[in-house]
Protein backbone atom coordinates (compact mmCIF):
# COMPACT_ATOMS: atom_id res chain seq x y z
CA MET A 1 -6.00 -11.78 10.24
CA ARG A 2 -3.86 -12.22 13.30
CA VAL A 3 -1.88 -14.95 11.60
CA GLU A 4 -1.17 -12.68 8.62
CA ALA A 5 -0.11 -9.89 10.98
CA LEU A 6 2.19 -12.30 12.83
CA VAL A 7 3.78 -13.41 9.55
CA PHE A 8 4.59 -9.84 8.51
CA LEU A 9 5.83 -8.87 11.97
CA CYS A 10 8.12 -11.92 12.02
CA LEU A 11 9.35 -10.93 8.57
CA THR A 12 10.12 -7.48 9.98
CA GLY A 13 12.29 -9.04 12.65
CA PHE A 14 14.02 -11.20 10.06
CA PHE A 15 14.78 -8.23 7.81
CA VAL A 16 16.12 -6.17 10.74
CA LEU A 17 18.36 -9.06 11.78
CA ALA A 18 19.47 -9.57 8.18
CA ALA A 19 20.26 -5.86 7.83
CA ILE A 20 22.39 -5.93 10.99
CA ILE A 21 24.29 -9.04 9.93
CA TYR A 22 24.72 -7.71 6.39
CA GLY A 23 25.99 -4.40 7.76
CA ILE A 24 28.56 -6.17 9.93
CA PHE A 25 29.90 -8.37 7.16
CA ALA A 26 29.69 -5.85 4.30
CA GLY A 27 31.16 -2.96 6.25
CA ASN A 28 31.40 0.32 4.40
CA GLU A 29 31.86 -1.30 1.01
CA GLU A 30 28.17 -1.98 0.33
CA PRO A 31 25.80 0.42 2.13
CA VAL A 32 22.98 -0.04 -0.41
CA GLY A 33 22.16 -3.53 0.83
CA VAL A 34 21.73 -2.32 4.40
CA VAL A 35 19.45 0.48 3.23
CA ALA A 36 17.39 -1.90 1.09
CA LEU A 37 16.97 -4.40 3.92
CA THR A 38 16.06 -1.63 6.36
CA LEU A 39 13.45 -0.21 4.01
CA THR A 40 12.06 -3.70 3.43
CA ALA A 41 11.77 -4.15 7.19
CA GLY A 42 9.94 -0.84 7.43
CA LEU A 43 7.48 -1.78 4.71
CA SER A 44 6.75 -5.16 6.24
CA LEU A 45 6.27 -3.41 9.61
CA ILE A 46 3.69 -1.10 8.04
CA ILE A 47 1.74 -4.03 6.60
CA GLY A 48 2.00 -6.06 9.80
CA THR A 49 0.77 -3.26 12.04
CA PHE A 50 -2.09 -2.47 9.64
CA LEU A 51 -3.20 -6.09 9.67
CA GLN A 52 -2.90 -6.19 13.45
CA PHE A 53 -5.09 -3.09 13.87
CA ALA A 54 -7.58 -4.38 11.30
CA SER A 55 -7.86 -7.72 13.10
CA ARG A 56 -8.77 -5.92 16.33
CA ARG A 57 -11.69 -4.19 14.59
CA LEU A 58 -13.24 -7.42 13.32
CA GLU A 59 -16.35 -8.33 15.26
CA SER A 60 -16.25 -12.04 14.48
CA ALA A 61 -13.96 -14.50 12.75
CA ARG A 62 -13.85 -14.38 8.97
CA PRO A 63 -15.45 -17.34 7.14
CA GLU A 64 -12.09 -18.30 5.63
CA ASP A 65 -10.57 -18.55 9.10
CA ASP A 66 -12.93 -21.37 10.08
CA ASP A 67 -11.51 -24.86 9.49
CA ASP A 68 -14.83 -26.45 8.52
CA ALA A 69 -16.31 -23.54 6.54
CA ASP A 70 -18.32 -24.06 3.38
CA ILE A 71 -18.05 -22.03 0.19
CA ALA A 72 -21.51 -20.60 0.82
CA ASP A 73 -20.31 -19.06 4.11
CA GLY A 74 -18.32 -16.50 2.16
CA ALA A 75 -21.20 -15.54 -0.12
CA GLY A 76 -22.65 -12.06 -0.12
CA GLU A 77 -21.64 -8.55 -0.97
CA LEU A 78 -17.89 -7.99 -0.96
CA GLY A 79 -17.98 -4.23 -1.36
CA PHE A 80 -18.45 -1.54 -3.95
CA PHE A 81 -16.23 -1.59 -7.00
CA SER A 82 -16.38 1.07 -9.66
CA PRO A 83 -17.83 -0.33 -12.90
CA GLY A 84 -15.63 1.83 -15.09
CA SER A 85 -13.53 4.83 -14.31
CA LEU A 86 -10.93 6.77 -16.25
CA TRP A 87 -9.37 8.31 -13.15
CA PRO A 88 -6.88 5.43 -12.57
CA PHE A 89 -5.67 5.76 -16.17
CA GLY A 90 -5.11 9.49 -15.70
CA MET A 91 -3.40 8.85 -12.40
CA ALA A 92 -1.04 6.30 -13.94
CA PHE A 93 -0.24 8.68 -16.80
CA ALA A 94 0.44 11.53 -14.37
CA ALA A 95 2.62 9.30 -12.17
CA ALA A 96 4.64 8.12 -15.17
CA ALA A 97 5.07 11.68 -16.42
CA THR A 98 6.13 12.76 -12.93
CA ALA A 99 8.72 9.97 -12.84
CA VAL A 100 10.12 11.11 -16.19
CA ALA A 101 10.23 14.71 -14.96
CA ILE A 102 12.07 13.65 -11.80
CA ALA A 103 14.49 11.45 -13.77
CA PHE A 104 15.50 14.33 -16.02
CA PHE A 105 15.09 16.94 -13.25
CA LEU A 106 12.73 19.11 -15.25
CA VAL A 107 11.28 21.32 -12.54
CA TRP A 108 8.70 22.97 -14.80
CA LEU A 109 7.39 19.55 -15.86
CA MET A 110 7.40 18.32 -12.25
CA ILE A 111 5.14 21.19 -11.23
CA ILE A 112 2.69 20.45 -14.05
CA THR A 113 2.64 16.68 -13.59
CA ILE A 114 2.37 16.78 -9.79
CA THR A 115 -0.54 19.20 -10.14
CA PHE A 116 -2.17 16.84 -12.61
CA LEU A 117 -1.46 13.89 -10.31
CA LEU A 118 -3.10 15.63 -7.36
CA MET A 119 -6.11 16.51 -9.53
CA THR A 120 -6.56 12.88 -10.57
CA ILE A 121 -6.23 11.66 -6.97
CA VAL A 122 -8.93 14.09 -5.87
CA GLY A 123 -11.08 13.08 -8.85
CA LEU A 124 -10.80 9.41 -7.96
CA LEU A 125 -11.44 10.09 -4.29
CA PHE A 126 -14.60 12.11 -4.87
CA GLU A 127 -15.88 10.26 -7.93
CA TYR A 128 -18.99 8.97 -6.21
CA HIS A 129 -19.38 11.74 -3.63
CA ARG A 130 -22.75 13.47 -3.83
CA ARG A 131 -23.57 16.72 -2.11
CA PRO A 132 -26.70 16.84 0.01
CA ALA A 133 -29.59 18.34 -1.89
CA THR A 134 -29.97 22.05 -1.25
CA HIS A 135 -33.42 23.58 -1.38
């Protein structure tokens, strides 16, 4: 994962340099491009630093990082994936409704949809959480 982190961190440097050069040549006529390039640099920095921290926590090399790895080396459990959940559908609906409320600046609808969005996030987060048995 260090290679992936290096790629994103190099992209961050490229976007910062591109934003500086674009800001010099565009001047005050086009500030949106500078903002877009700066935000892109920030997002690639977030991904690069996450991958860098995640690579430090790995105990050994991943099977796909080995040059002479076999397909069977990557076999095994990949993780837990929910077999079927309606929470992502509710979350997408709430996010879309929130976007509409923000677009038309309907404060009453924003309050309702953000509340519904937070409820669906909590529902998805604690979908498989079980309380310890109380006796």
